[in-house]
């Protein structure tokens, strides 16, 4: 997908991280709008997942975000 850890994200993305779970991985993302995420998922996540052999689309849960942090001073 052309993304680099610690590098810039795609247009509209505010945050992304990956955490290991007992059942696999959890990938929380924070986007400016649901529509921007949906377009990225359709154009990038879906094709990339298929390319690397992931058989089904991820389970997606949308939540409204009421607050988030940005990098602190000096970061």
N, C-alpha and C. Protein backbone atom coordinates (compact mmCIF):
# COMPACT_ATOMS: atom_id res chain seq x y z
N UNK A 1 0.82 -1.20 0.00
CA UNK A 1 0.00 0.00 0.00
C UNK A 1 0.85 1.25 0.00
N UNK A 2 2.16 1.10 0.10
CA UNK A 2 3.04 2.25 0.04
C UNK A 2 3.13 3.05 1.33
N UNK A 3 2.73 2.46 2.45
CA UNK A 3 2.78 3.17 3.73
C UNK A 3 4.01 2.72 4.51
N UNK A 4 4.61 3.64 5.26
CA UNK A 4 5.82 3.38 6.03
C UNK A 4 5.54 3.60 7.51
N UNK A 5 5.92 2.65 8.38
CA UNK A 5 5.73 2.88 9.81
C UNK A 5 6.34 4.21 10.26
N UNK A 6 5.55 5.01 10.94
CA UNK A 6 5.99 6.33 11.40
C UNK A 6 5.95 7.39 10.33
N UNK A 7 5.61 7.02 9.10
CA UNK A 7 5.55 7.98 7.99
C UNK A 7 4.16 8.58 7.85
N UNK A 8 3.99 9.38 6.82
CA UNK A 8 2.69 10.02 6.61
C UNK A 8 1.64 9.00 6.20
N UNK A 9 0.42 9.26 6.60
CA UNK A 9 -0.69 8.39 6.24
C UNK A 9 -1.39 8.89 4.99
N UNK A 10 -2.38 8.14 4.55
CA UNK A 10 -3.15 8.57 3.37
C UNK A 10 -4.01 9.79 3.70
N UNK A 11 -4.41 10.49 2.66
CA UNK A 11 -5.27 11.67 2.84
C UNK A 11 -6.51 11.31 3.64
N UNK A 12 -6.79 12.06 4.69
CA UNK A 12 -7.97 11.85 5.51
C UNK A 12 -7.73 11.01 6.75
N UNK A 13 -6.59 10.31 6.82
CA UNK A 13 -6.29 9.49 7.99
C UNK A 13 -5.69 10.35 9.09
N UNK A 14 -6.17 10.17 10.31
CA UNK A 14 -5.66 10.92 11.46
C UNK A 14 -4.80 10.06 12.37
N UNK A 15 -5.02 8.74 12.34
CA UNK A 15 -4.24 7.86 13.19
C UNK A 15 -4.44 6.41 12.79
N UNK A 16 -3.44 5.58 13.10
CA UNK A 16 -3.48 4.16 12.77
C UNK A 16 -2.47 3.44 13.64
N UNK A 17 -2.86 2.29 14.17
CA UNK A 17 -1.90 1.43 14.85
C UNK A 17 -2.39 0.00 14.77
N UNK A 18 -1.51 -0.93 15.07
CA UNK A 18 -1.81 -2.36 15.02
C UNK A 18 -1.39 -2.97 16.35
N UNK A 19 -2.26 -3.80 16.92
CA UNK A 19 -1.96 -4.49 18.17
C UNK A 19 -2.26 -5.97 18.02
N UNK A 20 -1.39 -6.80 18.59
CA UNK A 20 -1.62 -8.24 18.60
C UNK A 20 -2.71 -8.56 19.62
N UNK A 21 -3.58 -9.51 19.27
CA UNK A 21 -4.61 -10.01 20.18
C UNK A 21 -4.49 -11.52 20.25
N UNK A 22 -5.23 -12.14 21.15
CA UNK A 22 -5.21 -13.60 21.24
C UNK A 22 -5.71 -14.25 19.95
N UNK A 23 -6.60 -13.55 19.23
CA UNK A 23 -7.18 -14.11 18.02
C UNK A 23 -6.59 -13.59 16.72
N UNK A 24 -5.55 -12.76 16.78
CA UNK A 24 -4.96 -12.22 15.56
C UNK A 24 -4.43 -10.82 15.78
N UNK A 25 -5.01 -9.84 15.10
CA UNK A 25 -4.58 -8.45 15.26
C UNK A 25 -5.81 -7.54 15.34
N UNK A 26 -5.61 -6.39 15.93
CA UNK A 26 -6.61 -5.33 16.01
C UNK A 26 -5.98 -4.11 15.35
N UNK A 27 -6.70 -3.48 14.42
CA UNK A 27 -6.17 -2.35 13.68
C UNK A 27 -7.13 -1.16 13.82
N UNK A 28 -6.99 -0.38 14.90
CA UNK A 28 -7.81 0.82 15.03
C UNK A 28 -7.30 1.94 14.12
N UNK A 29 -8.19 2.56 13.42
CA UNK A 29 -7.88 3.71 12.55
C UNK A 29 -8.77 4.87 12.95
N UNK A 30 -8.27 6.07 12.78
CA UNK A 30 -9.04 7.29 13.01
C UNK A 30 -8.99 8.10 11.72
N UNK A 31 -10.17 8.37 11.16
CA UNK A 31 -10.28 9.07 9.88
C UNK A 31 -11.13 10.32 10.04
N UNK A 32 -10.90 11.30 9.16
CA UNK A 32 -11.69 12.53 9.19
C UNK A 32 -13.16 12.24 8.93
N UNK A 33 -13.45 11.31 8.02
CA UNK A 33 -14.84 10.94 7.73
C UNK A 33 -14.92 9.45 7.41
N UNK A 34 -16.09 8.88 7.61
CA UNK A 34 -16.35 7.49 7.25
C UNK A 34 -16.17 7.30 5.75
N UNK A 35 -16.58 8.26 4.97
CA UNK A 35 -16.49 8.16 3.51
C UNK A 35 -15.04 8.08 3.03
N UNK A 36 -14.15 8.85 3.65
CA UNK A 36 -12.73 8.77 3.28
C UNK A 36 -12.15 7.40 3.61
N UNK A 37 -12.52 6.87 4.78
CA UNK A 37 -12.06 5.52 5.12
C UNK A 37 -12.62 4.50 4.14
N UNK A 38 -13.91 4.56 3.87
CA UNK A 38 -14.54 3.59 2.97
C UNK A 38 -13.87 3.59 1.59
N UNK A 39 -13.54 4.76 1.08
CA UNK A 39 -12.87 4.85 -0.22
C UNK A 39 -11.48 4.22 -0.14
N UNK A 40 -10.73 4.49 0.93
CA UNK A 40 -9.40 3.90 1.10
C UNK A 40 -9.50 2.39 1.24
N UNK A 41 -10.48 1.93 2.00
CA UNK A 41 -10.65 0.49 2.17
C UNK A 41 -10.94 -0.19 0.84
N UNK A 42 -11.81 0.41 0.06
CA UNK A 42 -12.18 -0.15 -1.24
C UNK A 42 -10.99 -0.15 -2.21
N UNK A 43 -10.28 0.96 -2.26
CA UNK A 43 -9.21 1.13 -3.25
C UNK A 43 -7.88 0.53 -2.83
N UNK A 44 -7.62 0.42 -1.51
CA UNK A 44 -6.30 0.00 -1.03
C UNK A 44 -6.34 -1.26 -0.16
N UNK A 45 -7.14 -1.24 0.90
CA UNK A 45 -7.13 -2.36 1.85
C UNK A 45 -7.63 -3.64 1.21
N UNK A 46 -8.76 -3.56 0.50
CA UNK A 46 -9.33 -4.75 -0.13
C UNK A 46 -8.37 -5.40 -1.11
N UNK A 47 -7.87 -4.66 -2.10
CA UNK A 47 -6.93 -5.27 -3.05
C UNK A 47 -5.64 -5.77 -2.40
N UNK A 48 -5.08 -5.01 -1.45
CA UNK A 48 -3.85 -5.44 -0.79
C UNK A 48 -4.09 -6.71 0.01
N UNK A 49 -5.21 -6.77 0.74
CA UNK A 49 -5.53 -7.97 1.52
C UNK A 49 -5.62 -9.20 0.63
N UNK A 50 -6.29 -9.06 -0.51
CA UNK A 50 -6.41 -10.17 -1.44
C UNK A 50 -5.04 -10.57 -1.99
N UNK A 51 -4.21 -9.59 -2.26
CA UNK A 51 -2.87 -9.85 -2.81
C UNK A 51 -1.99 -10.66 -1.87
N UNK A 52 -2.13 -10.42 -0.56
CA UNK A 52 -1.30 -11.14 0.41
C UNK A 52 -1.99 -12.39 0.96
N UNK A 53 -3.16 -12.74 0.40
CA UNK A 53 -3.82 -13.99 0.74
C UNK A 53 -4.80 -13.96 1.89
N UNK A 54 -5.22 -12.78 2.32
CA UNK A 54 -6.25 -12.70 3.36
C UNK A 54 -7.58 -13.02 2.68
N UNK A 55 -8.27 -14.08 3.11
CA UNK A 55 -9.41 -14.59 2.36
C UNK A 55 -10.70 -13.78 2.45
N UNK A 56 -10.86 -12.99 3.48
CA UNK A 56 -12.12 -12.26 3.66
C UNK A 56 -11.83 -10.84 4.12
N UNK A 57 -12.75 -9.92 3.84
CA UNK A 57 -12.54 -8.56 4.33
C UNK A 57 -12.55 -8.51 5.86
N UNK A 58 -11.88 -7.52 6.43
CA UNK A 58 -11.85 -7.41 7.89
C UNK A 58 -13.23 -7.04 8.43
N UNK A 59 -13.45 -7.36 9.68
CA UNK A 59 -14.65 -6.89 10.37
C UNK A 59 -14.42 -5.43 10.72
N UNK A 60 -15.34 -4.58 10.31
CA UNK A 60 -15.20 -3.14 10.54
C UNK A 60 -16.29 -2.68 11.49
N UNK A 61 -15.89 -1.91 12.48
CA UNK A 61 -16.84 -1.32 13.43
C UNK A 61 -16.59 0.18 13.44
N UNK A 62 -17.62 0.96 13.16
CA UNK A 62 -17.50 2.42 13.14
C UNK A 62 -17.97 2.99 14.48
N UNK A 63 -17.16 3.90 15.01
CA UNK A 63 -17.50 4.61 16.24
C UNK A 63 -17.26 6.09 16.02
N UNK A 64 -18.11 6.92 16.59
CA UNK A 64 -17.88 8.36 16.55
C UNK A 64 -16.79 8.71 17.56
N UNK A 65 -15.84 9.52 17.14
CA UNK A 65 -14.75 9.95 18.02
C UNK A 65 -15.07 11.33 18.57
N UNK A 66 -14.95 11.46 19.87
CA UNK A 66 -15.26 12.73 20.52
C UNK A 66 -14.03 13.54 20.87
N UNK A 67 -12.86 12.88 20.86
CA UNK A 67 -11.63 13.57 21.19
C UNK A 67 -10.45 12.68 20.80
N UNK A 68 -9.33 13.29 20.44
CA UNK A 68 -8.11 12.54 20.17
C UNK A 68 -6.92 13.47 20.35
N UNK A 69 -5.75 12.86 20.60
CA UNK A 69 -4.51 13.62 20.76
C UNK A 69 -3.75 13.68 19.45
N UNK A 70 -2.95 14.72 19.30
CA UNK A 70 -1.98 14.84 18.22
C UNK A 70 -0.60 14.74 18.86
N UNK A 71 0.45 14.56 18.06
CA UNK A 71 1.80 14.47 18.66
C UNK A 71 2.11 15.67 19.55
N UNK A 72 2.81 15.42 20.63
CA UNK A 72 3.16 16.49 21.55
C UNK A 72 4.29 17.37 21.02
N UNK A 73 4.54 18.44 21.70
CA UNK A 73 5.62 19.35 21.32
C UNK A 73 6.95 18.61 21.32
N UNK A 74 7.73 18.82 20.31
CA UNK A 74 9.04 18.18 20.21
C UNK A 74 9.02 16.80 19.59
N UNK A 75 7.83 16.28 19.24
CA UNK A 75 7.76 14.95 18.61
C UNK A 75 7.88 15.05 17.12
